[in-house]
Amino acid sequence: MKQEILHIMPIGLRASVEKMLLERTDAEEIRVRIGQPLEFRCKDKSIWLSQAVTLSDMEEMLTFISRYSIYAYEEEIRQGFLTIEGGNRIGFAGQVRMENGQILHMTHIRFMNIRIAGEHKGCAKTLMPWLFDEMGEFLNTLLISRPGVGKTTFLRDCIRIISNGDGARAGKKVCVIDERSEIAACHLGIPQNDVGKRTDVLDGCLKEEGMRLSLRGMSPEVIAVDELGGKKEAKAVGQILLSGCKILGTVHGEEMGQIVKLAGMKRMCREKWFQRYVFLNKRENGERYFVIYDQEYNRIC
């Protein structure tokens, strides 16, 4: 049971939400919108509760989420999301106040998206042998997929296996740069997801700064980062590789021709920084599969 989710729900809706969570263990999101019923987005369909969400319900939820001090979480809300216990992530939408092109804060929050945490341990098990050489050294790897396929889920499981070791290979020190708190899902600095026993996490840190910080202070063997693509990030990746550390990253895309057009990926692809390109996809039945290319773009799996 997702008790952490029930604790932030309006008291008048908790019984209905608890019943739905028990019946639909495949629920991935709960969408909350004032004037509309709660929407449970499951793997195969959306299910709507009959009772509409009121302004009082929304204010009650914000009170529970912020533990009765909404101002204490003003920075997280300004960024548009907050991670709570259990690794569940809440996205916010409402009226945004801007100044000099920057978001000052978000007020009149009227929409929420609760992403229910799901780790799917073992989903990357069959992928891992392709990501190491014959000496057991990790190969610089880029995971690629369109949104919604499970790229971050695969990344998280890769991190866990690399960190713990898998019998055939010893575990390695991993540093996760978790800019949006999606990989480790830290709450008060403590990972809510299992990212392995040799893993350190820089939570809420910009990717390029986090990669440099981890090199200076944590002596990682592998640095893991989600959603590469910017020029500053490419420069930081170059510094990582020069130090002898390995990189495990992700990027949005569906084909190689699309990837090489991204501003930060051009040099990385041209100079063959990555030794493995893993394209993740999903069949109509929801089953995930992958296709792997080497640094010369030859398909190997």
C-alpha atoms as a PDB file:
ATOM      1  CA  MET A   1       0.000   0.000   0.000  1.00  0.00           C
ATOM      2  CA  LYS A   2       1.271   3.470  -0.881  1.00  0.00           C
ATOM      3  CA  GLN A   3       0.733   4.964   2.560  1.00  0.00           C
ATOM      4  CA  GLU A   4       2.807   8.007   1.639  1.00  0.00           C
ATOM      5  CA  ILE A   5       0.267   8.856  -1.069  1.00  0.00           C
ATOM      6  CA  LEU A   6      -2.736   8.365   1.196  1.00  0.00           C
ATOM      7  CA  HIS A   7      -1.244  10.730   3.774  1.00  0.00           C
ATOM      8  CA  ILE A   8      -1.295  13.656   1.325  1.00  0.00           C
ATOM      9  CA  MET A   9      -4.805  13.032   0.033  1.00  0.00           C
ATOM     10  CA  PRO A  10      -7.818  15.049   1.240  1.00  0.00           C
ATOM     11  CA  ILE A  11      -9.465  13.168   4.089  1.00  0.00           C
ATOM     12  CA  GLY A  12     -12.773  13.011   2.205  1.00  0.00           C
ATOM     13  CA  LEU A  13     -11.129  11.226  -0.742  1.00  0.00           C
ATOM     14  CA  ARG A  14      -8.831   8.831   1.089  1.00  0.00           C
ATOM     15  CA  ALA A  15     -11.198   5.854   1.183  1.00  0.00           C
ATOM     16  CA  SER A  16     -11.767   6.004  -2.585  1.00  0.00           C
ATOM     17  CA  VAL A  17      -8.060   6.462  -3.305  1.00  0.00           C
ATOM     18  CA  GLU A  18      -7.100   3.564  -1.012  1.00  0.00           C
ATOM     19  CA  LYS A  19      -9.599   1.280  -2.732  1.00  0.00           C
ATOM     20  CA  MET A  20      -8.256   2.225  -6.164  1.00  0.00           C
ATOM     21  CA  LEU A  21      -4.610   1.716  -5.156  1.00  0.00           C
ATOM     22  CA  LEU A  22      -5.475  -1.750  -3.837  1.00  0.00           C
ATOM     23  CA  GLU A  23      -7.351  -2.706  -6.996  1.00  0.00           C
ATOM     24  CA  ARG A  24      -4.986  -1.171  -9.549  1.00  0.00           C
ATOM     25  CA  THR A  25      -1.404  -2.007  -8.634  1.00  0.00           C
ATOM     26  CA  ASP A  26      -0.423  -0.861 -12.149  1.00  0.00           C
ATOM     27  CA  ALA A  27      -1.402   2.775 -11.460  1.00  0.00           C
ATOM     28  CA  GLU A  28       1.410   5.084 -12.583  1.00  0.00           C
ATOM     29  CA  GLU A  29      -0.019   8.569 -12.019  1.00  0.00           C
ATOM     30  CA  ILE A  30      -2.810  10.327 -10.139  1.00  0.00           C
ATOM     31  CA  ARG A  31      -3.907  13.554 -11.826  1.00  0.00           C
ATOM     32  CA  VAL A  32      -5.576  16.132  -9.570  1.00  0.00           C
ATOM     33  CA  ARG A  33      -7.520  19.010 -11.144  1.00  0.00           C
ATOM     34  CA  ILE A  34      -9.982  21.356  -9.450  1.00  0.00           C
ATOM     35  CA  GLY A  35     -13.530  20.782 -10.689  1.00  0.00           C
ATOM     36  CA  GLN A  36     -12.646  17.395 -12.173  1.00  0.00           C
ATOM     37  CA  PRO A  37     -12.629  13.896 -10.675  1.00  0.00           C
ATOM     38  CA  LEU A  38      -9.304  12.279  -9.770  1.00  0.00           C
ATOM     39  CA  GLU A  39      -7.770  10.490 -12.755  1.00  0.00           C
ATOM     40  CA  PHE A  40      -5.778   7.294 -12.188  1.00  0.00           C
ATOM     41  CA  ARG A  41      -3.534   6.684 -15.176  1.00  0.00           C
ATOM     42  CA  CYS A  42      -2.761   2.975 -15.388  1.00  0.00           C
ATOM     43  CA  LYS A  43      -0.709   1.051 -17.921  1.00  0.00           C
ATOM     44  CA  ASP A  44      -3.691   0.165 -20.091  1.00  0.00           C
ATOM     45  CA  LYS A  45      -6.241   2.934 -19.433  1.00  0.00           C
ATOM     46  CA  SER A  46      -7.371   5.873 -17.310  1.00  0.00           C
ATOM     47  CA  ILE A  47      -9.867   5.402 -14.478  1.00  0.00           C
ATOM     48  CA  TRP A  48     -11.868   8.322 -13.096  1.00  0.00           C
ATOM     49  CA  LEU A  49     -13.336   8.592  -9.619  1.00  0.00           C
ATOM     50  CA  SER A  50     -16.863   9.975  -9.404  1.00  0.00           C
ATOM     51  CA  GLN A  51     -16.184  12.774  -6.900  1.00  0.00           C
ATOM     52  CA  ALA A  52     -14.824  16.070  -8.240  1.00  0.00           C
ATOM     53  CA  VAL A  53     -11.885  17.781  -6.556  1.00  0.00           C
ATOM     54  CA  THR A  54     -12.775  21.048  -4.812  1.00  0.00           C
ATOM     55  CA  LEU A  55     -10.656  24.064  -3.925  1.00  0.00           C
ATOM     56  CA  SER A  56     -10.781  22.943  -0.295  1.00  0.00           C
ATOM     57  CA  ASP A  57      -9.471  19.528  -1.310  1.00  0.00           C
ATOM     58  CA  MET A  58      -6.554  21.107  -3.152  1.00  0.00           C
ATOM     59  CA  GLU A  59      -5.683  23.391  -0.233  1.00  0.00           C
ATOM     60  CA  GLU A  60      -5.889  20.438   2.144  1.00  0.00           C
ATOM     61  CA  MET A  61      -3.484  18.472  -0.053  1.00  0.00           C
ATOM     62  CA  LEU A  62      -1.003  21.362  -0.159  1.00  0.00           C
ATOM     63  CA  THR A  63      -1.146  21.557   3.628  1.00  0.00           C
ATOM     64  CA  PHE A  64      -0.383  17.849   3.996  1.00  0.00           C
ATOM     65  CA  ILE A  65       2.341  17.887   1.319  1.00  0.00           C
ATOM     66  CA  SER A  66       4.124  20.838   2.929  1.00  0.00           C
ATOM     67  CA  ARG A  67       3.590  19.544   6.464  1.00  0.00           C
ATOM     68  CA  TYR A  68       1.613  22.671   7.371  1.00  0.00           C
ATOM     69  CA  SER A  69       4.302  25.086   6.122  1.00  0.00           C
ATOM     70  CA  ILE A  70       3.904  25.816   2.416  1.00  0.00           C
ATOM     71  CA  TYR A  71       6.619  28.495   2.606  1.00  0.00           C
ATOM     72  CA  ALA A  72       9.205  25.894   3.645  1.00  0.00           C
ATOM     73  CA  TYR A  73       8.750  24.228   0.259  1.00  0.00           C
ATOM     74  CA  GLU A  74       8.456  27.399  -1.824  1.00  0.00           C
ATOM     75  CA  GLU A  75      11.705  26.716  -3.740  1.00  0.00           C
ATOM     76  CA  GLU A  76      10.653  23.174  -4.733  1.00  0.00           C
ATOM     77  CA  ILE A  77       7.216  24.390  -5.806  1.00  0.00           C
ATOM     78  CA  ARG A  78       8.817  27.197  -7.820  1.00  0.00           C
ATOM     79  CA  GLN A  79      10.713  24.530  -9.751  1.00  0.00           C
ATOM     80  CA  GLY A  80       7.427  22.730 -10.393  1.00  0.00           C
ATOM     81  CA  PHE A  81       7.930  19.487  -8.501  1.00  0.00           C
ATOM     82  CA  LEU A  82       8.558  17.931  -5.093  1.00  0.00           C
ATOM     83  CA  THR A  83       9.666  14.429  -4.092  1.00  0.00           C
ATOM     84  CA  ILE A  84       8.023  12.939  -0.998  1.00  0.00           C
ATOM     85  CA  GLU A  85       8.641   9.808   1.054  1.00  0.00           C
ATOM     86  CA  GLY A  86       8.671   6.596  -0.908  1.00  0.00           C
ATOM     87  CA  GLY A  87      10.107   8.299  -3.990  1.00  0.00           C
ATOM     88  CA  ASN A  88       6.717   9.539  -5.161  1.00  0.00           C
ATOM     89  CA  ARG A  89       7.027  12.767  -7.135  1.00  0.00           C
ATOM     90  CA  ILE A  90       4.450  15.552  -7.266  1.00  0.00           C
ATOM     91  CA  GLY A  91       4.291  18.022 -10.138  1.00  0.00           C
ATOM     92  CA  PHE A  92       2.484  21.347  -9.755  1.00  0.00           C
ATOM     93  CA  ALA A  93       0.783  23.729 -12.167  1.00  0.00           C
ATOM     94  CA  GLY A  94      -0.925  27.031 -11.464  1.00  0.00           C
ATOM     95  CA  GLN A  95      -0.318  30.753 -11.803  1.00  0.00           C
ATOM     96  CA  VAL A  96       3.363  31.558 -12.333  1.00  0.00           C
ATOM     97  CA  ARG A  97       4.902  34.927 -11.458  1.00  0.00           C
ATOM     98  CA  MET A  98       7.886  35.947 -13.611  1.00  0.00           C
ATOM     99  CA  GLU A  99      10.545  38.639 -13.256  1.00  0.00           C
ATOM    100  CA  ASN A 100      13.405  39.270 -15.702  1.00  0.00           C
ATOM    101  CA  GLY A 101      12.691  35.994 -17.435  1.00  0.00           C
ATOM    102  CA  GLN A 102      12.930  33.999 -14.191  1.00  0.00           C
ATOM    103  CA  ILE A 103      10.167  32.273 -12.245  1.00  0.00           C
ATOM    104  CA  LEU A 104       9.724  33.991  -8.873  1.00  0.00           C
ATOM    105  CA  HIS A 105       7.144  31.600  -7.484  1.00  0.00           C
ATOM    106  CA  MET A 106       3.997  29.666  -8.276  1.00  0.00           C
ATOM    107  CA  THR A 107       0.686  30.652  -6.714  1.00  0.00           C
ATOM    108  CA  HIS A 108      -2.922  29.463  -6.993  1.00  0.00           C
ATOM    109  CA  ILE A 109      -1.860  25.848  -7.553  1.00  0.00           C
ATOM    110  CA  ARG A 110      -4.838  24.177  -9.184  1.00  0.00           C
ATOM    111  CA  PHE A 111      -3.334  21.096 -10.815  1.00  0.00           C
ATOM    112  CA  MET A 112      -1.132  18.282  -9.535  1.00  0.00           C
ATOM    113  CA  ASN A 113       0.397  15.165 -11.004  1.00  0.00           C
ATOM    114  CA  ILE A 114       1.404  12.483  -8.504  1.00  0.00           C
ATOM    115  CA  ARG A 115       3.820  10.068 -10.155  1.00  0.00           C
ATOM    116  CA  ILE A 116       3.687   6.812  -8.223  1.00  0.00           C
ATOM    117  CA  ALA A 117       7.155   5.433  -7.593  1.00  0.00           C
ATOM    118  CA  GLY A 118       8.019   2.118  -9.230  1.00  0.00           C
ATOM    119  CA  GLU A 119      11.565   0.773  -9.334  1.00  0.00           C
ATOM    120  CA  HIS A 120      11.157  -2.360 -11.522  1.00  0.00           C
ATOM    121  CA  LYS A 121      14.307  -3.981 -10.164  1.00  0.00           C
ATOM    122  CA  GLY A 122      15.977  -6.339 -12.609  1.00  0.00           C
ATOM    123  CA  CYS A 123      14.621  -4.709 -15.782  1.00  0.00           C
ATOM    124  CA  ALA A 124      18.192  -3.998 -16.971  1.00  0.00           C
ATOM    125  CA  LYS A 125      19.639  -7.394 -16.045  1.00  0.00           C
ATOM    126  CA  THR A 126      19.783  -8.729 -19.608  1.00  0.00           C
ATOM    127  CA  LEU A 127      21.290  -5.455 -20.818  1.00  0.00           C
ATOM    128  CA  MET A 128      24.249  -5.369 -18.438  1.00  0.00           C
ATOM    129  CA  PRO A 129      26.574  -7.958 -20.113  1.00  0.00           C
ATOM    130  CA  TRP A 130      26.671  -5.762 -23.229  1.00  0.00           C
ATOM    131  CA  LEU A 131      27.920  -2.755 -21.229  1.00  0.00           C
ATOM    132  CA  PHE A 132      31.235  -4.256 -20.076  1.00  0.00           C
ATOM    133  CA  ASP A 133      34.358  -5.338 -21.946  1.00  0.00           C
ATOM    134  CA  GLU A 134      36.079  -8.723 -21.554  1.00  0.00           C
ATOM    135  CA  MET A 135      38.154  -7.336 -18.661  1.00  0.00           C
ATOM    136  CA  GLY A 136      35.051  -6.304 -16.731  1.00  0.00           C
ATOM    137  CA  GLU A 137      35.482  -2.579 -17.390  1.00  0.00           C
ATOM    138  CA  PHE A 138      32.343  -0.538 -17.843  1.00  0.00           C
ATOM    139  CA  LEU A 139      31.898   0.968 -21.321  1.00  0.00           C
ATOM    140  CA  ASN A 140      30.733   4.570 -21.708  1.00  0.00           C
ATOM    141  CA  THR A 141      27.038   4.147 -22.435  1.00  0.00           C
ATOM    142  CA  LEU A 142      24.173   6.307 -23.683  1.00  0.00           C
ATOM    143  CA  LEU A 143      20.574   5.135 -23.139  1.00  0.00           C
ATOM    144  CA  ILE A 144      18.201   6.560 -25.762  1.00  0.00           C
ATOM    145  CA  SER A 145      14.417   6.505 -26.006  1.00  0.00           C
ATOM    146  CA  ARG A 146      11.389   8.639 -26.658  1.00  0.00           C
ATOM    147  CA  PRO A 147       9.511   9.906 -23.553  1.00  0.00           C
ATOM    148  CA  GLY A 148       7.396   7.378 -21.676  1.00  0.00           C
ATOM    149  CA  VAL A 149       9.347   4.231 -22.581  1.00  0.00           C
ATOM    150  CA  GLY A 150      11.145   3.901 -19.242  1.00  0.00           C
ATOM    151  CA  LYS A 151      14.576   5.365 -19.906  1.00  0.00           C
ATOM    152  CA  THR A 152      15.034   6.648 -16.351  1.00  0.00           C
ATOM    153  CA  THR A 153      13.796   3.343 -14.924  1.00  0.00           C
ATOM    154  CA  PHE A 154      16.434   1.464 -16.944  1.00  0.00           C
ATOM    155  CA  LEU A 155      19.073   3.989 -15.906  1.00  0.00           C
ATOM    156  CA  ARG A 156      18.230   3.499 -12.239  1.00  0.00           C
ATOM    157  CA  ASP A 157      18.457  -0.282 -12.498  1.00  0.00           C
ATOM    158  CA  CYS A 158      21.773  -0.060 -14.384  1.00  0.00           C
ATOM    159  CA  ILE A 159      23.130   2.133 -11.594  1.00  0.00           C
ATOM    160  CA  ARG A 160      21.995  -0.335  -8.927  1.00  0.00           C
ATOM    161  CA  ILE A 161      23.561  -3.331 -10.681  1.00  0.00           C
ATOM    162  CA  ILE A 162      26.841  -1.518 -11.480  1.00  0.00           C
ATOM    163  CA  SER A 163      27.073  -0.354  -7.867  1.00  0.00           C
ATOM    164  CA  ASN A 164      26.285  -3.698  -6.232  1.00  0.00           C
ATOM    165  CA  GLY A 165      28.026  -5.940  -8.773  1.00  0.00           C
ATOM    166  CA  ASP A 166      26.264  -8.943 -10.251  1.00  0.00           C
ATOM    167  CA  GLY A 167      28.455 -11.939  -9.525  1.00  0.00           C
ATOM    168  CA  ALA A 168      30.219 -11.840 -12.885  1.00  0.00           C
ATOM    169  CA  ARG A 169      31.552  -8.330 -12.226  1.00  0.00           C
ATOM    170  CA  ALA A 170      32.650  -6.516  -9.085  1.00  0.00           C
ATOM    171  CA  GLY A 171      30.689  -3.482  -7.936  1.00  0.00           C
ATOM    172  CA  LYS A 172      31.936   0.009  -8.752  1.00  0.00           C
ATOM    173  CA  LYS A 173      31.704   3.405  -7.102  1.00  0.00           C
ATOM    174  CA  VAL A 174      28.919   5.353  -8.802  1.00  0.00           C
ATOM    175  CA  CYS A 175      27.976   9.003  -8.411  1.00  0.00           C
ATOM    176  CA  VAL A 176      24.486   9.986  -9.544  1.00  0.00           C
ATOM    177  CA  ILE A 177      23.847  13.572 -10.638  1.00  0.00           C
ATOM    178  CA  ASP A 178      20.119  13.760  -9.952  1.00  0.00           C
ATOM    179  CA  GLU A 179      19.160  17.256 -11.117  1.00  0.00           C
ATOM    180  CA  ARG A 180      15.409  16.674 -10.941  1.00  0.00           C
ATOM    181  CA  SER A 181      15.324  14.071  -8.137  1.00  0.00           C
ATOM    182  CA  GLU A 182      13.964  11.445 -10.521  1.00  0.00           C
ATOM    183  CA  ILE A 183      16.679   8.779 -10.327  1.00  0.00           C
ATOM    184  CA  ALA A 184      17.319   8.276  -6.606  1.00  0.00           C
ATOM    185  CA  ALA A 185      14.186  10.241  -5.571  1.00  0.00           C
ATOM    186  CA  CYS A 186      15.889  11.710  -2.507  1.00  0.00           C
ATOM    187  CA  HIS A 187      13.733  12.993   0.340  1.00  0.00           C
ATOM    188  CA  LEU A 188      15.668  15.149   2.816  1.00  0.00           C
ATOM    189  CA  GLY A 189      18.816  13.930   1.073  1.00  0.00           C
ATOM    190  CA  ILE A 190      18.065  10.220   1.540  1.00  0.00           C
ATOM    191  CA  PRO A 191      17.457   8.100  -1.604  1.00  0.00           C
ATOM    192  CA  GLN A 192      13.982   6.574  -1.609  1.00  0.00           C
ATOM    193  CA  ASN A 193      14.916   4.317  -4.531  1.00  0.00           C
ATOM    194  CA  ASP A 194      17.528   1.585  -4.358  1.00  0.00           C
ATOM    195  CA  VAL A 195      20.519   2.873  -6.333  1.00  0.00           C
ATOM    196  CA  GLY A 196      23.066   0.451  -4.885  1.00  0.00           C
ATOM    197  CA  LYS A 197      25.397   0.244  -1.900  1.00  0.00           C
ATOM    198  CA  ARG A 198      28.376   1.957  -3.561  1.00  0.00           C
ATOM    199  CA  THR A 199      26.370   4.898  -4.917  1.00  0.00           C
ATOM    200  CA  ASP A 200      26.568   8.545  -3.870  1.00  0.00           C
ATOM    201  CA  VAL A 201      23.968  11.108  -4.964  1.00  0.00           C
ATOM    202  CA  LEU A 202      24.152  14.821  -5.740  1.00  0.00           C
ATOM    203  CA  ASP A 203      20.482  15.749  -5.548  1.00  0.00           C
ATOM    204  CA  GLY A 204      18.976  18.848  -7.156  1.00  0.00           C
ATOM    205  CA  CYS A 205      22.313  19.890  -8.651  1.00  0.00           C
ATOM    206  CA  LEU A 206      22.780  21.151 -12.211  1.00  0.00           C
ATOM    207  CA  LYS A 207      24.235  18.375 -14.331  1.00  0.00           C
ATOM    208  CA  GLU A 208      27.378  20.167 -15.486  1.00  0.00           C
ATOM    209  CA  GLU A 209      28.202  21.429 -11.978  1.00  0.00           C
ATOM    210  CA  GLY A 210      27.352  18.089 -10.406  1.00  0.00           C
ATOM    211  CA  MET A 211      29.686  16.178 -12.701  1.00  0.00           C
ATOM    212  CA  ARG A 212      32.587  18.463 -11.776  1.00  0.00           C
ATOM    213  CA  LEU A 213      31.771  18.349  -8.054  1.00  0.00           C
ATOM    214  CA  SER A 214      31.655  14.555  -8.039  1.00  0.00           C
ATOM    215  CA  LEU A 215      35.043  14.329  -9.761  1.00  0.00           C
ATOM    216  CA  ARG A 216      36.622  16.672  -7.222  1.00  0.00           C
ATOM    217  CA  GLY A 217      35.192  15.140  -4.093  1.00  0.00           C
ATOM    218  CA  MET A 218      33.771  11.627  -4.509  1.00  0.00           C
ATOM    219  CA  SER A 219      36.352   9.766  -6.688  1.00  0.00           C
ATOM    220  CA  PRO A 220      33.695   7.898  -8.693  1.00  0.00           C
ATOM    221  CA  GLU A 221      34.436   5.137 -11.180  1.00  0.00           C
ATOM    222  CA  VAL A 222      31.160   5.778 -13.031  1.00  0.00           C
ATOM    223  CA  ILE A 223      29.093   8.974 -13.173  1.00  0.00           C
ATOM    224  CA  ALA A 224      25.422   8.580 -14.048  1.00  0.00           C
ATOM    225  CA  VAL A 225      23.312  11.451 -15.345  1.00  0.00           C
ATOM    226  CA  ASP A 226      19.867  11.739 -16.927  1.00  0.00           C
ATOM    227  CA  GLU A 227      19.004  13.702 -20.084  1.00  0.00           C
ATOM    228  CA  LEU A 228      22.237  14.941 -21.599  1.00  0.00           C
ATOM    229  CA  GLY A 229      22.254  17.153 -24.683  1.00  0.00           C
ATOM    230  CA  GLY A 230      23.483  20.646 -23.771  1.00  0.00           C
ATOM    231  CA  LYS A 231      26.850  22.142 -24.698  1.00  0.00           C
ATOM    232  CA  LYS A 232      27.843  22.777 -21.073  1.00  0.00           C
ATOM    233  CA  GLU A 233      27.049  19.173 -20.222  1.00  0.00           C
ATOM    234  CA  ALA A 234      29.179  17.979 -23.152  1.00  0.00           C
ATOM    235  CA  LYS A 235      32.147  19.933 -21.806  1.00  0.00           C
ATOM    236  CA  ALA A 236      31.692  18.353 -18.381  1.00  0.00           C
ATOM    237  CA  VAL A 237      31.462  14.858 -19.935  1.00  0.00           C
ATOM    238  CA  GLY A 238      34.752  15.529 -21.713  1.00  0.00           C
ATOM    239  CA  GLN A 239      36.393  16.331 -18.366  1.00  0.00           C
ATOM    240  CA  ILE A 240      35.014  13.119 -16.895  1.00  0.00           C
ATOM    241  CA  LEU A 241      36.484  10.991 -19.659  1.00  0.00           C
ATOM    242  CA  LEU A 242      39.881  12.718 -19.418  1.00  0.00           C
ATOM    243  CA  SER A 243      39.971  11.842 -15.723  1.00  0.00           C
ATOM    244  CA  GLY A 244      39.549   8.143 -16.469  1.00  0.00           C
ATOM    245  CA  CYS A 245      36.041   7.989 -15.032  1.00  0.00           C
ATOM    246  CA  LYS A 246      33.242   6.372 -17.060  1.00  0.00           C
ATOM    247  CA  ILE A 247      29.896   7.904 -18.033  1.00  0.00           C
ATOM    248  CA  LEU A 248      26.393   6.455 -18.087  1.00  0.00           C
ATOM    249  CA  GLY A 249      23.888   8.891 -19.542  1.00  0.00           C
ATOM    250  CA  THR A 250      20.527   9.193 -21.233  1.00  0.00           C
ATOM    251  CA  VAL A 251      19.024  11.357 -23.959  1.00  0.00           C
ATOM    252  CA  HIS A 252      15.629  11.697 -25.633  1.00  0.00           C
ATOM    253  CA  GLY A 253      15.442  10.409 -29.204  1.00  0.00           C
ATOM    254  CA  GLU A 254      14.413   7.581 -31.503  1.00  0.00           C
ATOM    255  CA  GLU A 255      17.250   7.293 -34.040  1.00  0.00           C
ATOM    256  CA  MET A 256      20.927   8.149 -34.363  1.00  0.00           C
ATOM    257  CA  GLY A 257      20.355  10.845 -36.981  1.00  0.00           C
ATOM    258  CA  GLN A 258      18.196  12.706 -34.507  1.00  0.00           C
ATOM    259  CA  ILE A 259      20.711  12.411 -31.661  1.00  0.00           C
ATOM    260  CA  VAL A 260      23.704  13.840 -33.540  1.00  0.00           C
ATOM    261  CA  LYS A 261      21.761  17.042 -34.278  1.00  0.00           C
ATOM    262  CA  LEU A 262      21.509  17.967 -30.598  1.00  0.00           C
ATOM    263  CA  ALA A 263      23.843  20.832 -29.725  1.00  0.00           C
ATOM    264  CA  GLY A 264      25.695  18.979 -26.992  1.00  0.00           C
ATOM    265  CA  MET A 265      25.746  15.591 -28.693  1.00  0.00           C
ATOM    266  CA  LYS A 266      27.494  16.535 -31.950  1.00  0.00           C
ATOM    267  CA  ARG A 267      31.005  16.454 -30.561  1.00  0.00           C
ATOM    268  CA  MET A 268      30.351  13.460 -28.314  1.00  0.00           C
ATOM    269  CA  CYS A 269      29.140  11.401 -31.270  1.00  0.00           C
ATOM    270  CA  ARG A 270      31.721  12.708 -33.741  1.00  0.00           C
ATOM    271  CA  GLU A 271      34.629  11.921 -31.430  1.00  0.00           C
ATOM    272  CA  LYS A 272      33.057   8.599 -30.384  1.00  0.00           C
ATOM    273  CA  TRP A 273      32.995   9.242 -26.667  1.00  0.00           C
ATOM    274  CA  PHE A 274      30.334   6.581 -26.145  1.00  0.00           C
ATOM    275  CA  GLN A 275      31.156   2.914 -26.721  1.00  0.00           C
ATOM    276  CA  ARG A 276      27.554   1.740 -26.435  1.00  0.00           C
ATOM    277  CA  TYR A 277      24.343   3.302 -27.739  1.00  0.00           C
ATOM    278  CA  VAL A 278      21.284   1.565 -26.307  1.00  0.00           C
ATOM    279  CA  PHE A 279      17.937   2.329 -27.960  1.00  0.00           C
ATOM    280  CA  LEU A 280      15.014   1.448 -25.687  1.00  0.00           C
ATOM    281  CA  ASN A 281      11.539   0.889 -27.081  1.00  0.00           C
ATOM    282  CA  LYS A 282       8.165  -0.534 -26.124  1.00  0.00           C
ATOM    283  CA  ARG A 283       5.914  -2.957 -27.981  1.00  0.00           C
ATOM    284  CA  GLU A 284       2.135  -2.559 -28.169  1.00  0.00           C
ATOM    285  CA  ASN A 285       1.683  -5.002 -25.281  1.00  0.00           C
ATOM    286  CA  GLY A 286       3.874  -2.797 -23.073  1.00  0.00           C
ATOM    287  CA  GLU A 287       6.920  -5.068 -23.217  1.00  0.00           C
ATOM    288  CA  ARG A 288      10.204  -3.144 -23.364  1.00  0.00           C
ATOM    289  CA  TYR A 289      13.120  -4.173 -25.565  1.00  0.00           C
ATOM    290  CA  PHE A 290      16.467  -2.695 -26.593  1.00  0.00           C
ATOM    291  CA  VAL A 291      18.772  -2.479 -29.605  1.00  0.00           C
ATOM    292  CA  ILE A 292      22.513  -1.849 -29.065  1.00  0.00           C
ATOM    293  CA  TYR A 293      25.102  -0.194 -31.321  1.00  0.00           C
ATOM    294  CA  ASP A 294      28.850   0.137 -30.761  1.00  0.00           C
ATOM    295  CA  GLN A 295      30.853   3.369 -31.146  1.00  0.00           C
ATOM    296  CA  GLU A 296      31.107   2.790 -34.911  1.00  0.00           C
ATOM    297  CA  TYR A 297      27.294   2.603 -35.021  1.00  0.00           C
ATOM    298  CA  ASN A 298      27.322  -1.104 -35.867  1.00  0.00           C
ATOM    299  CA  ARG A 299      24.388  -3.005 -34.452  1.00  0.00           C
ATOM    300  CA  ILE A 300      25.618  -5.665 -32.014  1.00  0.00           C
ATOM    301  CA  CYS A 301      22.347  -6.739 -30.394  1.00  0.00           C
END
